[in-house]
Amino acid sequence: MRTIKYAELEFAWYIQNPDKYKLLKRAFVKNDTEIYKETKAKYASMSEEYYYKLFEDINMEQFQFKREKKKLLDILKWLLKGFNEEFIEEVESEDNINSLKDEYLRRLVEYIEILKEGLK
C-alpha cells in the first residue's frame, strides 16, 4: 500500500539526513517552546492537504463496498493522524532511527491489515 511505501521513503530520508531528522524530532516533542508551537501550527495546516493528496487517485473499485471517496479518505486520514501522533509521543526518547523505522512500519502494517479486513 502506498502509505507503507511513503513511510519507508520518509524514514530513508531521515536516515540519510540525521541532522535534519534530529531537528524535526526536537520540533515535534511536546513542550512550550516557540519552535514546537510553530511546527505544530504549520504541520496542522499542511496535514489536511497531505492526506488527501496521498490518496487522491485511489481506485475505489478495490473495495467491496461503495462509499463516497471523501469518506474513505477521511477514515484513512484519521487513522494515520492518530497513529502518527501516538507513535511520536511513545518514542520521543528513542534515538535509534532504524529501531524507530522497524517499529513504525510493523505497527503501521498491522493497523492497515486490520482496516483492510474490516473493509472487505
C-alpha atoms as a PDB file:
ATOM      1  CA  MET A   1       0.000   0.000   0.000  1.00  0.00           C
ATOM      2  CA  ARG A   2       1.186   3.490  -0.775  1.00  0.00           C
ATOM      3  CA  THR A   3       1.043   4.515   2.894  1.00  0.00           C
ATOM      4  CA  ILE A   4       3.710   1.955   3.769  1.00  0.00           C
ATOM      5  CA  LYS A   5       5.829   2.909   0.754  1.00  0.00           C
ATOM      6  CA  TYR A   6       5.606   6.579   1.733  1.00  0.00           C
ATOM      7  CA  ALA A   7       6.658   5.765   5.310  1.00  0.00           C
ATOM      8  CA  GLU A   8       9.637   3.759   4.027  1.00  0.00           C
ATOM      9  CA  LEU A   9      10.711   6.674   1.822  1.00  0.00           C
ATOM     10  CA  GLU A  10      10.305   9.133   4.683  1.00  0.00           C
ATOM     11  CA  PHE A  11      12.458   7.028   7.013  1.00  0.00           C
ATOM     12  CA  ALA A  12      15.063   6.592   4.265  1.00  0.00           C
ATOM     13  CA  TRP A  13      15.279  10.393   4.068  1.00  0.00           C
ATOM     14  CA  TYR A  14      15.648  10.625   7.856  1.00  0.00           C
ATOM     15  CA  ILE A  15      18.451   8.051   7.801  1.00  0.00           C
ATOM     16  CA  GLN A  16      20.253   9.939   5.011  1.00  0.00           C
ATOM     17  CA  ASN A  17      19.778  13.269   6.806  1.00  0.00           C
ATOM     18  CA  PRO A  18      20.375  12.564  10.512  1.00  0.00           C
ATOM     19  CA  ASP A  19      20.923  16.219  11.474  1.00  0.00           C
ATOM     20  CA  LYS A  20      17.654  17.286   9.862  1.00  0.00           C
ATOM     21  CA  TYR A  21      15.903  14.325  11.474  1.00  0.00           C
ATOM     22  CA  LYS A  22      17.155  15.386  14.922  1.00  0.00           C
ATOM     23  CA  LEU A  23      15.917  18.918  14.319  1.00  0.00           C
ATOM     24  CA  LEU A  24      12.482  17.667  13.234  1.00  0.00           C
ATOM     25  CA  LYS A  25      12.321  15.310  16.173  1.00  0.00           C
ATOM     26  CA  ARG A  26      13.042  18.115  18.620  1.00  0.00           C
ATOM     27  CA  ALA A  27      10.445  20.276  16.901  1.00  0.00           C
ATOM     28  CA  PHE A  28       7.719  17.657  17.427  1.00  0.00           C
ATOM     29  CA  VAL A  29       8.469  16.785  21.043  1.00  0.00           C
ATOM     30  CA  LYS A  30       5.664  18.244  23.136  1.00  0.00           C
ATOM     31  CA  ASN A  31       6.770  21.297  25.017  1.00  0.00           C
ATOM     32  CA  ASP A  32       6.118  25.008  25.172  1.00  0.00           C
ATOM     33  CA  THR A  33       8.992  26.185  23.003  1.00  0.00           C
ATOM     34  CA  GLU A  34       8.332  28.517  20.118  1.00  0.00           C
ATOM     35  CA  ILE A  35       9.668  26.031  17.549  1.00  0.00           C
ATOM     36  CA  TYR A  36       7.211  23.400  18.787  1.00  0.00           C
ATOM     37  CA  LYS A  37       4.285  25.805  18.500  1.00  0.00           C
ATOM     38  CA  GLU A  38       5.303  26.970  15.028  1.00  0.00           C
ATOM     39  CA  THR A  39       5.969  23.436  13.793  1.00  0.00           C
ATOM     40  CA  LYS A  40       2.675  22.166  15.166  1.00  0.00           C
ATOM     41  CA  ALA A  41       0.754  25.020  13.515  1.00  0.00           C
ATOM     42  CA  LYS A  42       2.474  24.518  10.158  1.00  0.00           C
ATOM     43  CA  TYR A  43       2.043  20.746  10.333  1.00  0.00           C
ATOM     44  CA  ALA A  44      -1.668  21.076  11.113  1.00  0.00           C
ATOM     45  CA  SER A  45      -2.299  23.303   8.124  1.00  0.00           C
ATOM     46  CA  MET A  46      -0.328  21.070   5.756  1.00  0.00           C
ATOM     47  CA  SER A  47      -1.626  17.753   7.042  1.00  0.00           C
ATOM     48  CA  GLU A  48      -5.160  18.136   5.712  1.00  0.00           C
ATOM     49  CA  GLU A  49      -3.908  18.626   2.182  1.00  0.00           C
ATOM     50  CA  TYR A  50      -1.228  15.926   2.565  1.00  0.00           C
ATOM     51  CA  TYR A  51      -3.639  13.130   3.445  1.00  0.00           C
ATOM     52  CA  TYR A  52      -5.961  13.842   0.523  1.00  0.00           C
ATOM     53  CA  LYS A  53      -3.097  14.240  -1.971  1.00  0.00           C
ATOM     54  CA  LEU A  54      -1.595  10.929  -0.888  1.00  0.00           C
ATOM     55  CA  PHE A  55      -4.803   9.102  -1.774  1.00  0.00           C
ATOM     56  CA  GLU A  56      -6.426  11.311  -4.421  1.00  0.00           C
ATOM     57  CA  ASP A  57      -6.063   8.754  -7.209  1.00  0.00           C
ATOM     58  CA  ILE A  58      -7.095   5.716  -5.147  1.00  0.00           C
ATOM     59  CA  ASN A  59      -9.161   3.164  -7.057  1.00  0.00           C
ATOM     60  CA  MET A  60     -12.432   2.693  -5.170  1.00  0.00           C
ATOM     61  CA  GLU A  61     -13.226  -0.488  -7.115  1.00  0.00           C
ATOM     62  CA  GLN A  62     -10.817  -2.447  -4.917  1.00  0.00           C
ATOM     63  CA  PHE A  63     -13.236  -2.145  -2.012  1.00  0.00           C
ATOM     64  CA  GLN A  64     -16.294  -4.334  -1.817  1.00  0.00           C
ATOM     65  CA  PHE A  65     -18.475  -1.570  -0.505  1.00  0.00           C
ATOM     66  CA  LYS A  66     -19.230   1.528  -2.495  1.00  0.00           C
ATOM     67  CA  ARG A  67     -18.997   4.707  -0.461  1.00  0.00           C
ATOM     68  CA  GLU A  68     -18.101   8.274  -1.118  1.00  0.00           C
ATOM     69  CA  LYS A  69     -14.405   8.574  -1.782  1.00  0.00           C
ATOM     70  CA  LYS A  70     -14.058  11.518   0.634  1.00  0.00           C
ATOM     71  CA  LYS A  71     -15.486   9.454   3.497  1.00  0.00           C
ATOM     72  CA  LEU A  72     -12.977   6.674   2.880  1.00  0.00           C
ATOM     73  CA  LEU A  73     -10.166   9.221   2.721  1.00  0.00           C
ATOM     74  CA  ASP A  74     -11.392  10.742   5.988  1.00  0.00           C
ATOM     75  CA  ILE A  75     -11.143   7.342   7.674  1.00  0.00           C
ATOM     76  CA  LEU A  76      -7.605   6.824   6.379  1.00  0.00           C
ATOM     77  CA  LYS A  77      -6.627  10.353   7.409  1.00  0.00           C
ATOM     78  CA  TRP A  78      -7.962   9.856  10.945  1.00  0.00           C
ATOM     79  CA  LEU A  79      -6.151   6.544  11.257  1.00  0.00           C
ATOM     80  CA  LEU A  80      -2.832   7.941  10.078  1.00  0.00           C
ATOM     81  CA  LYS A  81      -3.076  11.176  12.001  1.00  0.00           C
ATOM     82  CA  GLY A  82      -3.892   9.455  15.299  1.00  0.00           C
ATOM     83  CA  PHE A  83      -1.356   6.721  14.675  1.00  0.00           C
ATOM     84  CA  ASN A  84       1.433   9.222  13.965  1.00  0.00           C
ATOM     85  CA  GLU A  85       0.643  11.416  16.960  1.00  0.00           C
ATOM     86  CA  GLU A  86       0.548   8.458  19.328  1.00  0.00           C
ATOM     87  CA  PHE A  87       3.736   6.973  17.883  1.00  0.00           C
ATOM     88  CA  ILE A  88       5.635  10.262  18.249  1.00  0.00           C
ATOM     89  CA  GLU A  89       4.614  10.529  21.904  1.00  0.00           C
ATOM     90  CA  GLU A  90       5.615   6.948  22.681  1.00  0.00           C
ATOM     91  CA  VAL A  91       9.045   7.050  21.094  1.00  0.00           C
ATOM     92  CA  GLU A  92      10.203  10.600  21.767  1.00  0.00           C
ATOM     93  CA  SER A  93      13.153   9.339  23.836  1.00  0.00           C
ATOM     94  CA  GLU A  94      14.289   6.759  21.252  1.00  0.00           C
ATOM     95  CA  ASP A  95      17.297   7.893  19.218  1.00  0.00           C
ATOM     96  CA  ASN A  96      17.941   4.843  17.050  1.00  0.00           C
ATOM     97  CA  ILE A  97      16.284   5.718  13.743  1.00  0.00           C
ATOM     98  CA  ASN A  98      16.486   2.137  12.440  1.00  0.00           C
ATOM     99  CA  SER A  99      14.659   0.822  15.502  1.00  0.00           C
ATOM    100  CA  LEU A 100      12.038   3.538  15.085  1.00  0.00           C
ATOM    101  CA  LYS A 101      11.607   2.664  11.420  1.00  0.00           C
ATOM    102  CA  ASP A 102      11.160  -1.041  12.142  1.00  0.00           C
ATOM    103  CA  GLU A 103       8.676  -0.430  14.953  1.00  0.00           C
ATOM    104  CA  TYR A 104       6.727   2.204  13.000  1.00  0.00           C
ATOM    105  CA  LEU A 105       6.394   0.013   9.905  1.00  0.00           C
ATOM    106  CA  ARG A 106       5.480  -3.059  11.950  1.00  0.00           C
ATOM    107  CA  ARG A 107       2.684  -1.207  13.714  1.00  0.00           C
ATOM    108  CA  LEU A 108       1.513   0.578  10.575  1.00  0.00           C
ATOM    109  CA  VAL A 109       1.241  -2.661   8.617  1.00  0.00           C
ATOM    110  CA  GLU A 110      -0.677  -4.238  11.486  1.00  0.00           C
ATOM    111  CA  TYR A 111      -3.251  -1.425  11.619  1.00  0.00           C
ATOM    112  CA  ILE A 112      -3.644  -1.272   7.852  1.00  0.00           C
ATOM    113  CA  GLU A 113      -4.244  -5.029   7.738  1.00  0.00           C
ATOM    114  CA  ILE A 114      -6.947  -4.670  10.396  1.00  0.00           C
ATOM    115  CA  LEU A 115      -8.513  -1.856   8.404  1.00  0.00           C
ATOM    116  CA  LYS A 116      -8.382  -3.885   5.188  1.00  0.00           C
ATOM    117  CA  GLU A 117     -10.022  -6.883   6.839  1.00  0.00           C
ATOM    118  CA  GLY A 118     -12.748  -4.637   8.179  1.00  0.00           C
ATOM    119  CA  LEU A 119     -13.384  -3.145   4.740  1.00  0.00           C
ATOM    120  CA  LYS A 120     -13.973  -6.444   2.961  1.00  0.00           C
END
